[in-house]
C-alpha atoms as a PDB file:
ATOM      1  CA  UNK A   1      12.182 -34.333  25.726  1.00  0.00           C
ATOM      2  CA  UNK A   2      13.413 -33.074  21.825  1.00  0.00           C
ATOM      3  CA  UNK A   3      16.488 -32.623  21.063  1.00  0.00           C
ATOM      4  CA  UNK A   4      15.089 -29.723  18.320  1.00  0.00           C
ATOM      5  CA  UNK A   5      13.586 -26.584  18.822  1.00  0.00           C
ATOM      6  CA  UNK A   6      10.935 -24.784  15.938  1.00  0.00           C
ATOM      7  CA  UNK A   7      11.259 -20.986  16.614  1.00  0.00           C
ATOM      8  CA  UNK A   8       8.438 -18.879  15.570  1.00  0.00           C
ATOM      9  CA  UNK A   9       8.155 -15.574  15.487  1.00  0.00           C
ATOM     10  CA  UNK A  10       4.172 -14.132  15.092  1.00  0.00           C
ATOM     11  CA  UNK A  11       2.560 -10.847  14.634  1.00  0.00           C
ATOM     12  CA  UNK A  12      -1.057 -10.974  13.338  1.00  0.00           C
ATOM     13  CA  UNK A  13      -0.908 -15.097  12.546  1.00  0.00           C
ATOM     14  CA  UNK A  14      -4.361 -16.260  13.893  1.00  0.00           C
ATOM     15  CA  UNK A  15      -5.350 -17.164  10.059  1.00  0.00           C
ATOM     16  CA  UNK A  16      -2.255 -19.231  10.497  1.00  0.00           C
ATOM     17  CA  UNK A  17      -0.974 -20.345  13.903  1.00  0.00           C
ATOM     18  CA  UNK A  18      -3.138 -23.396  14.516  1.00  0.00           C
ATOM     19  CA  UNK A  19      -3.002 -25.076  11.413  1.00  0.00           C
ATOM     20  CA  UNK A  20       1.139 -24.610  11.321  1.00  0.00           C
ATOM     21  CA  UNK A  21       1.148 -26.068  15.226  1.00  0.00           C
ATOM     22  CA  UNK A  22      -0.790 -28.825  14.502  1.00  0.00           C
ATOM     23  CA  UNK A  23       1.468 -30.050  11.117  1.00  0.00           C
ATOM     24  CA  UNK A  24       4.952 -29.570  13.199  1.00  0.00           C
ATOM     25  CA  UNK A  25       3.394 -31.642  15.963  1.00  0.00           C
ATOM     26  CA  UNK A  26       2.046 -34.385  13.176  1.00  0.00           C
ATOM     27  CA  UNK A  27       5.464 -35.076  11.958  1.00  0.00           C
ATOM     28  CA  UNK A  28       7.393 -38.205  12.740  1.00  0.00           C
ATOM     29  CA  UNK A  29      10.889 -37.007  14.866  1.00  0.00           C
ATOM     30  CA  UNK A  30       9.713 -35.041  17.812  1.00  0.00           C
ATOM     31  CA  UNK A  31       9.833 -31.559  17.674  1.00  0.00           C
ATOM     32  CA  UNK A  32       8.675 -28.872  20.238  1.00  0.00           C
ATOM     33  CA  UNK A  33       7.878 -24.840  19.450  1.00  0.00           C
ATOM     34  CA  UNK A  34       8.640 -21.936  21.037  1.00  0.00           C
ATOM     35  CA  UNK A  35       6.051 -18.705  19.278  1.00  0.00           C
ATOM     36  CA  UNK A  36       7.120 -15.709  20.459  1.00  0.00           C
ATOM     37  CA  UNK A  37       4.605 -13.117  19.919  1.00  0.00           C
ATOM     38  CA  UNK A  38       4.719  -9.954  19.636  1.00  0.00           C
ATOM     39  CA  UNK A  39       1.818  -8.579  21.026  1.00  0.00           C
ATOM     40  CA  UNK A  40      -0.203  -9.635  18.242  1.00  0.00           C
ATOM     41  CA  UNK A  41      -3.864  -7.375  18.799  1.00  0.00           C
ATOM     42  CA  UNK A  42      -6.159 -10.484  16.729  1.00  0.00           C
ATOM     43  CA  UNK A  43      -6.221 -12.732  19.631  1.00  0.00           C
ATOM     44  CA  UNK A  44      -3.081 -14.989  18.354  1.00  0.00           C
ATOM     45  CA  UNK A  45      -1.716 -15.042  21.931  1.00  0.00           C
ATOM     46  CA  UNK A  46      -4.965 -16.475  23.193  1.00  0.00           C
ATOM     47  CA  UNK A  47      -4.718 -19.825  20.343  1.00  0.00           C
ATOM     48  CA  UNK A  48      -1.330 -20.314  21.681  1.00  0.00           C
ATOM     49  CA  UNK A  49      -2.756 -20.561  24.607  1.00  0.00           C
ATOM     50  CA  UNK A  50      -5.178 -22.825  24.518  1.00  0.00           C
ATOM     51  CA  UNK A  51      -3.207 -25.066  22.667  1.00  0.00           C
ATOM     52  CA  UNK A  52      -0.900 -25.274  25.551  1.00  0.00           C
ATOM     53  CA  UNK A  53      -3.683 -27.298  27.530  1.00  0.00           C
ATOM     54  CA  UNK A  54      -3.098 -30.184  24.176  1.00  0.00           C
ATOM     55  CA  UNK A  55       0.972 -29.706  23.865  1.00  0.00           C
ATOM     56  CA  UNK A  56       2.101 -28.362  27.378  1.00  0.00           C
ATOM     57  CA  UNK A  57       5.182 -29.937  27.189  1.00  0.00           C
ATOM     58  CA  UNK A  58       6.031 -28.848  23.319  1.00  0.00           C
ATOM     59  CA  UNK A  59       4.524 -25.959  23.029  1.00  0.00           C
ATOM     60  CA  UNK A  60       6.254 -22.236  24.257  1.00  0.00           C
ATOM     61  CA  UNK A  61       4.932 -19.051  23.810  1.00  0.00           C
ATOM     62  CA  UNK A  62       6.742 -16.167  25.087  1.00  0.00           C
ATOM     63  CA  UNK A  63       4.797 -12.372  24.883  1.00  0.00           C
ATOM     64  CA  UNK A  64       6.851  -9.236  24.121  1.00  0.00           C
ATOM     65  CA  UNK A  65       5.280  -6.125  24.013  1.00  0.00           C
ATOM     66  CA  UNK A  66       5.071  -4.102  20.626  1.00  0.00           C
ATOM     67  CA  UNK A  67       7.105  -4.977  17.415  1.00  0.00           C
ATOM     68  CA  UNK A  68      10.634  -5.211  17.804  1.00  0.00           C
ATOM     69  CA  UNK A  69      11.520  -6.819  14.418  1.00  0.00           C
ATOM     70  CA  UNK A  70      12.399 -10.394  13.314  1.00  0.00           C
ATOM     71  CA  UNK A  71      15.835  -9.839  14.488  1.00  0.00           C
ATOM     72  CA  UNK A  72      15.761  -9.384  18.241  1.00  0.00           C
ATOM     73  CA  UNK A  73      13.086 -12.455  18.096  1.00  0.00           C
ATOM     74  CA  UNK A  74      14.753 -15.033  16.923  1.00  0.00           C
ATOM     75  CA  UNK A  75      17.864 -13.533  19.401  1.00  0.00           C
ATOM     76  CA  UNK A  76      15.278 -14.113  22.009  1.00  0.00           C
ATOM     77  CA  UNK A  77      14.676 -17.501  20.885  1.00  0.00           C
ATOM     78  CA  UNK A  78      18.055 -18.497  20.682  1.00  0.00           C
ATOM     79  CA  UNK A  79      19.121 -17.327  24.235  1.00  0.00           C
ATOM     80  CA  UNK A  80      15.711 -19.636  25.418  1.00  0.00           C
ATOM     81  CA  UNK A  81      16.703 -22.256  23.444  1.00  0.00           C
ATOM     82  CA  UNK A  82      20.630 -22.124  24.736  1.00  0.00           C
ATOM     83  CA  UNK A  83      19.113 -21.702  28.717  1.00  0.00           C
ATOM     84  CA  UNK A  84      17.718 -25.630  28.098  1.00  0.00           C
ATOM     85  CA  UNK A  85      18.846 -28.709  26.254  1.00  0.00           C
ATOM     86  CA  UNK A  86      17.995 -28.063  22.880  1.00  0.00           C
ATOM     87  CA  UNK A  87      21.190 -29.402  20.272  1.00  0.00           C
ATOM     88  CA  UNK A  88      19.186 -27.853  16.968  1.00  0.00           C
ATOM     89  CA  UNK A  89      17.330 -24.771  16.520  1.00  0.00           C
ATOM     90  CA  UNK A  90      15.374 -24.177  13.333  1.00  0.00           C
ATOM     91  CA  UNK A  91      14.252 -20.682  11.966  1.00  0.00           C
ATOM     92  CA  UNK A  92      10.437 -20.888  10.163  1.00  0.00           C
ATOM     93  CA  UNK A  93       7.519 -18.538   9.697  1.00  0.00           C
ATOM     94  CA  UNK A  94       3.858 -19.265  10.738  1.00  0.00           C
ATOM     95  CA  UNK A  95       2.239 -18.814   7.637  1.00  0.00           C
ATOM     96  CA  UNK A  96       3.155 -21.839   5.527  1.00  0.00           C
ATOM     97  CA  UNK A  97       5.697 -20.569   3.087  1.00  0.00           C
ATOM     98  CA  UNK A  98       8.353 -22.736   4.680  1.00  0.00           C
ATOM     99  CA  UNK A  99       6.779 -26.573   4.223  1.00  0.00           C
ATOM    100  CA  UNK A 100       6.435 -27.941   7.738  1.00  0.00           C
ATOM    101  CA  UNK A 101       7.523 -31.504   6.277  1.00  0.00           C
ATOM    102  CA  UNK A 102      10.799 -29.557   5.235  1.00  0.00           C
ATOM    103  CA  UNK A 103      11.941 -29.440   8.781  1.00  0.00           C
ATOM    104  CA  UNK A 104      12.985 -32.775   8.451  1.00  0.00           C
ATOM    105  CA  UNK A 105      14.855 -32.438   5.661  1.00  0.00           C
ATOM    106  CA  UNK A 106      17.013 -29.405   7.624  1.00  0.00           C
ATOM    107  CA  UNK A 107      17.274 -31.832  10.533  1.00  0.00           C
ATOM    108  CA  UNK A 108      18.755 -34.706   8.547  1.00  0.00           C
ATOM    109  CA  UNK A 109      21.122 -32.058   6.986  1.00  0.00           C
ATOM    110  CA  UNK A 110      22.306 -31.515  10.042  1.00  0.00           C
ATOM    111  CA  UNK A 111      22.186 -34.866  12.146  1.00  0.00           C
ATOM    112  CA  UNK A 112      22.668 -37.216   9.580  1.00  0.00           C
ATOM    113  CA  UNK A 113      25.118 -35.432   7.186  1.00  0.00           C
ATOM    114  CA  UNK A 114      27.369 -32.940   9.658  1.00  0.00           C
ATOM    115  CA  UNK A 115      26.163 -30.032   8.585  1.00  0.00           C
ATOM    116  CA  UNK A 116      26.467 -27.171  11.008  1.00  0.00           C
ATOM    117  CA  UNK A 117      23.720 -25.372   9.265  1.00  0.00           C
ATOM    118  CA  UNK A 118      21.092 -26.177   6.995  1.00  0.00           C
ATOM    119  CA  UNK A 119      19.411 -23.887   5.037  1.00  0.00           C
ATOM    120  CA  UNK A 120      15.856 -24.377   3.316  1.00  0.00           C
ATOM    121  CA  UNK A 121      17.278 -22.677  -0.223  1.00  0.00           C
ATOM    122  CA  UNK A 122      15.149 -21.247  -3.068  1.00  0.00           C
ATOM    123  CA  UNK A 123      18.085 -20.601  -5.617  1.00  0.00           C
ATOM    124  CA  UNK A 124      19.775 -24.419  -4.963  1.00  0.00           C
ATOM    125  CA  UNK A 125      19.265 -26.547  -8.082  1.00  0.00           C
ATOM    126  CA  UNK A 126      15.524 -28.298  -7.213  1.00  0.00           C
ATOM    127  CA  UNK A 127      15.006 -24.879  -5.344  1.00  0.00           C
ATOM    128  CA  UNK A 128      11.910 -22.718  -6.741  1.00  0.00           C
ATOM    129  CA  UNK A 129       9.318 -20.062  -5.345  1.00  0.00           C
ATOM    130  CA  UNK A 130       5.480 -20.604  -5.589  1.00  0.00           C
ATOM    131  CA  UNK A 131       3.214 -17.804  -6.722  1.00  0.00           C
ATOM    132  CA  UNK A 132       5.261 -14.911  -6.876  1.00  0.00           C
ATOM    133  CA  UNK A 133       4.500 -12.635  -9.189  1.00  0.00           C
ATOM    134  CA  UNK A 134       7.862 -12.348 -11.520  1.00  0.00           C
ATOM    135  CA  UNK A 135       8.771  -8.992 -10.076  1.00  0.00           C
ATOM    136  CA  UNK A 136       9.397  -9.684  -6.844  1.00  0.00           C
ATOM    137  CA  UNK A 137      11.339 -13.107  -7.874  1.00  0.00           C
ATOM    138  CA  UNK A 138      13.727 -10.930 -10.252  1.00  0.00           C
ATOM    139  CA  UNK A 139      14.576  -8.895  -6.150  1.00  0.00           C
ATOM    140  CA  UNK A 140      14.700 -11.681  -4.482  1.00  0.00           C
ATOM    141  CA  UNK A 141      17.281 -13.358  -6.956  1.00  0.00           C
ATOM    142  CA  UNK A 142      19.152 -10.080  -7.592  1.00  0.00           C
ATOM    143  CA  UNK A 143      18.926  -9.212  -3.600  1.00  0.00           C
ATOM    144  CA  UNK A 144      20.988 -12.910  -3.327  1.00  0.00           C
ATOM    145  CA  UNK A 145      23.413 -12.122  -6.310  1.00  0.00           C
ATOM    146  CA  UNK A 146      24.053  -8.851  -4.400  1.00  0.00           C
ATOM    147  CA  UNK A 147      24.925 -10.639  -0.766  1.00  0.00           C
ATOM    148  CA  UNK A 148      27.203 -12.650  -2.576  1.00  0.00           C
ATOM    149  CA  UNK A 149      29.317 -10.200  -4.677  1.00  0.00           C
ATOM    150  CA  UNK A 150      29.940  -7.702  -1.546  1.00  0.00           C
ATOM    151  CA  UNK A 151      29.902 -10.376   0.906  1.00  0.00           C
ATOM    152  CA  UNK A 152      31.583 -13.078  -0.918  1.00  0.00           C
ATOM    153  CA  UNK A 153      29.493 -15.599   1.704  1.00  0.00           C
ATOM    154  CA  UNK A 154      29.413 -19.127  -1.068  1.00  0.00           C
ATOM    155  CA  UNK A 155      25.562 -19.067   0.133  1.00  0.00           C
ATOM    156  CA  UNK A 156      22.978 -19.415  -3.093  1.00  0.00           C
ATOM    157  CA  UNK A 157      20.164 -17.700  -0.705  1.00  0.00           C
ATOM    158  CA  UNK A 158      21.495 -15.673   2.408  1.00  0.00           C
ATOM    159  CA  UNK A 159      18.322 -14.106   2.573  1.00  0.00           C
ATOM    160  CA  UNK A 160      16.572 -17.230   3.420  1.00  0.00           C
ATOM    161  CA  UNK A 161      14.744 -17.602   6.781  1.00  0.00           C
ATOM    162  CA  UNK A 162      14.089 -21.399   6.871  1.00  0.00           C
ATOM    163  CA  UNK A 163      16.979 -22.603   9.133  1.00  0.00           C
ATOM    164  CA  UNK A 164      18.627 -25.130  11.363  1.00  0.00           C
ATOM    165  CA  UNK A 165      21.299 -24.546  13.448  1.00  0.00           C
ATOM    166  CA  UNK A 166      23.189 -26.357  15.119  1.00  0.00           C
ATOM    167  CA  UNK A 167      23.519 -25.678  19.011  1.00  0.00           C
ATOM    168  CA  UNK A 168      27.213 -25.003  18.798  1.00  0.00           C
ATOM    169  CA  UNK A 169      26.689 -22.369  16.067  1.00  0.00           C
ATOM    170  CA  UNK A 170      24.743 -20.590  18.419  1.00  0.00           C
ATOM    171  CA  UNK A 171      27.067 -20.664  21.417  1.00  0.00           C
ATOM    172  CA  UNK A 172      30.053 -19.520  19.342  1.00  0.00           C
ATOM    173  CA  UNK A 173      28.722 -16.432  17.632  1.00  0.00           C
ATOM    174  CA  UNK A 174      28.581 -13.468  19.667  1.00  0.00           C
ATOM    175  CA  UNK A 175      24.867 -12.701  19.894  1.00  0.00           C
ATOM    176  CA  UNK A 176      25.066  -9.419  21.385  1.00  0.00           C
ATOM    177  CA  UNK A 177      26.925  -8.188  18.277  1.00  0.00           C
ATOM    178  CA  UNK A 178      24.119  -9.167  15.973  1.00  0.00           C
ATOM    179  CA  UNK A 179      23.057  -5.370  15.079  1.00  0.00           C
ATOM    180  CA  UNK A 180      20.091  -6.097  12.560  1.00  0.00           C
ATOM    181  CA  UNK A 181      16.954  -6.734  13.324  1.00  0.00           C
ATOM    182  CA  UNK A 182      14.892  -7.450   9.246  1.00  0.00           C
ATOM    183  CA  UNK A 183      15.955  -9.265   6.418  1.00  0.00           C
ATOM    184  CA  UNK A 184      19.352  -8.452   7.114  1.00  0.00           C
ATOM    185  CA  UNK A 185      19.532 -10.190  10.177  1.00  0.00           C
ATOM    186  CA  UNK A 186      18.852 -13.511   8.257  1.00  0.00           C
ATOM    187  CA  UNK A 187      21.802 -12.945   6.218  1.00  0.00           C
ATOM    188  CA  UNK A 188      23.996 -11.092   9.102  1.00  0.00           C
ATOM    189  CA  UNK A 189      23.667 -14.653  10.899  1.00  0.00           C
ATOM    190  CA  UNK A 190      25.293 -17.192   8.344  1.00  0.00           C
ATOM    191  CA  UNK A 191      27.586 -14.508   7.553  1.00  0.00           C
ATOM    192  CA  UNK A 192      28.946 -15.067  11.486  1.00  0.00           C
ATOM    193  CA  UNK A 193      28.685 -18.431  11.333  1.00  0.00           C
ATOM    194  CA  UNK A 194      30.352 -18.952   7.731  1.00  0.00           C
ATOM    195  CA  UNK A 195      33.274 -16.259   8.982  1.00  0.00           C
ATOM    196  CA  UNK A 196      33.311 -18.274  12.210  1.00  0.00           C
ATOM    197  CA  UNK A 197      34.647 -21.638  10.671  1.00  0.00           C
ATOM    198  CA  UNK A 198      30.977 -23.399  10.215  1.00  0.00           C
ATOM    199  CA  UNK A 199      29.545 -25.647   7.506  1.00  0.00           C
ATOM    200  CA  UNK A 200      26.851 -24.485   5.856  1.00  0.00           C
ATOM    201  CA  UNK A 201      24.666 -26.280   3.462  1.00  0.00           C
ATOM    202  CA  UNK A 202      21.614 -25.509   1.131  1.00  0.00           C
ATOM    203  CA  UNK A 203      18.754 -27.812   0.947  1.00  0.00           C
ATOM    204  CA  UNK A 204      16.585 -27.362  -1.830  1.00  0.00           C
ATOM    205  CA  UNK A 205      13.217 -26.239  -0.978  1.00  0.00           C
ATOM    206  CA  UNK A 206       9.855 -24.456  -2.619  1.00  0.00           C
ATOM    207  CA  UNK A 207       9.191 -21.265  -1.066  1.00  0.00           C
ATOM    208  CA  UNK A 208       4.890 -20.473  -1.332  1.00  0.00           C
ATOM    209  CA  UNK A 209       3.916 -16.846  -0.881  1.00  0.00           C
ATOM    210  CA  UNK A 210       1.121 -16.721   2.043  1.00  0.00           C
ATOM    211  CA  UNK A 211      -2.472 -17.587   1.292  1.00  0.00           C
ATOM    212  CA  UNK A 212      -3.557 -16.215   4.403  1.00  0.00           C
ATOM    213  CA  UNK A 213      -2.952 -13.449   6.562  1.00  0.00           C
ATOM    214  CA  UNK A 214      -0.694 -10.195   5.486  1.00  0.00           C
ATOM    215  CA  UNK A 215       2.415  -9.534   4.834  1.00  0.00           C
ATOM    216  CA  UNK A 216       4.768  -8.235   7.120  1.00  0.00           C
ATOM    217  CA  UNK A 217       7.455  -6.705   4.460  1.00  0.00           C
ATOM    218  CA  UNK A 218       8.435  -2.766   4.368  1.00  0.00           C
ATOM    219  CA  UNK A 219      10.545  -0.349   2.645  1.00  0.00           C
ATOM    220  CA  UNK A 220      12.703   0.171   6.245  1.00  0.00           C
ATOM    221  CA  UNK A 221      13.594  -3.784   5.983  1.00  0.00           C
ATOM    222  CA  UNK A 222      14.005  -3.620   2.020  1.00  0.00           C
ATOM    223  CA  UNK A 223      16.837  -0.399   2.997  1.00  0.00           C
ATOM    224  CA  UNK A 224      17.916  -2.359   5.860  1.00  0.00           C
ATOM    225  CA  UNK A 225      18.335  -5.271   3.917  1.00  0.00           C
ATOM    226  CA  UNK A 226      20.417  -3.123   1.187  1.00  0.00           C
ATOM    227  CA  UNK A 227      22.623  -0.833   3.023  1.00  0.00           C
ATOM    228  CA  UNK A 228      23.006  -3.850   6.119  1.00  0.00           C
ATOM    229  CA  UNK A 229      24.705  -5.949   3.532  1.00  0.00           C
ATOM    230  CA  UNK A 230      27.126  -3.221   3.302  1.00  0.00           C
ATOM    231  CA  UNK A 231      27.627  -3.166   6.731  1.00  0.00           C
ATOM    232  CA  UNK A 232      28.137  -6.791   7.371  1.00  0.00           C
ATOM    233  CA  UNK A 233      31.256  -6.601   5.077  1.00  0.00           C
ATOM    234  CA  UNK A 234      32.712  -3.510   6.722  1.00  0.00           C
ATOM    235  CA  UNK A 235      31.912  -4.614  10.315  1.00  0.00           C
ATOM    236  CA  UNK A 236      33.993  -7.981   9.087  1.00  0.00           C
ATOM    237  CA  UNK A 237      37.086  -5.601   7.735  1.00  0.00           C
ATOM    238  CA  UNK A 238      36.503  -4.015  11.011  1.00  0.00           C
ATOM    239  CA  UNK A 239      36.760  -7.829  12.895  1.00  0.00           C
ATOM    240  CA  UNK A 240      33.415  -7.799  14.180  1.00  0.00           C
ATOM    241  CA  UNK A 241      32.533 -11.379  13.511  1.00  0.00           C
ATOM    242  CA  UNK A 242      35.600 -12.842  14.381  1.00  0.00           C
ATOM    243  CA  UNK A 243      36.094 -15.498  17.219  1.00  0.00           C
END
């Protein structure tokens, strides 16, 4: 039985899902994978189900109807993990924008170095972004500064989606109180962990833009992120994240 679960939400990831699963299972530390698929019409589910024959004790899939949002997928996955004996729970994209090799570094940060939350960060020393236009880098980096100014949270890459949580963190956070489903979800989870007194460490990574498939970014997600940060701060003033 592995102590670690990697949660990977998917929607139309047939170009990547086979490769990402094989890569994660090739790593030196045994990891399990939970795929949460929101009704992909491109055959993603069928690929995962066929791979379960090869990895029956390591690979799992939960199927949902329709696109319900990144945040709800991770909350679903967190609850699934907490019902089992996993001690380290990871968030990771399916499209290789997160290098699977870095899972080992996030694990070491929590398991060996004492972090409660390890964040794969683009914006600390030795972190970087690959294959992004300058305009997107500017927007993303500006967003990270905006989050710090509004929330006072000492995390340089608060919107990062490559994260390892210790079990104790997810047990302490009231997951019913997490309100956002897009990129603001990533900020809100880190903020809730920080407000609860858990330590957050950032691990430098190189974030690479996807080479296959299509981005799920939308104007609605961006709008939620902008206004969501203000709502998170207001919620904190009202005691939403107190435990």
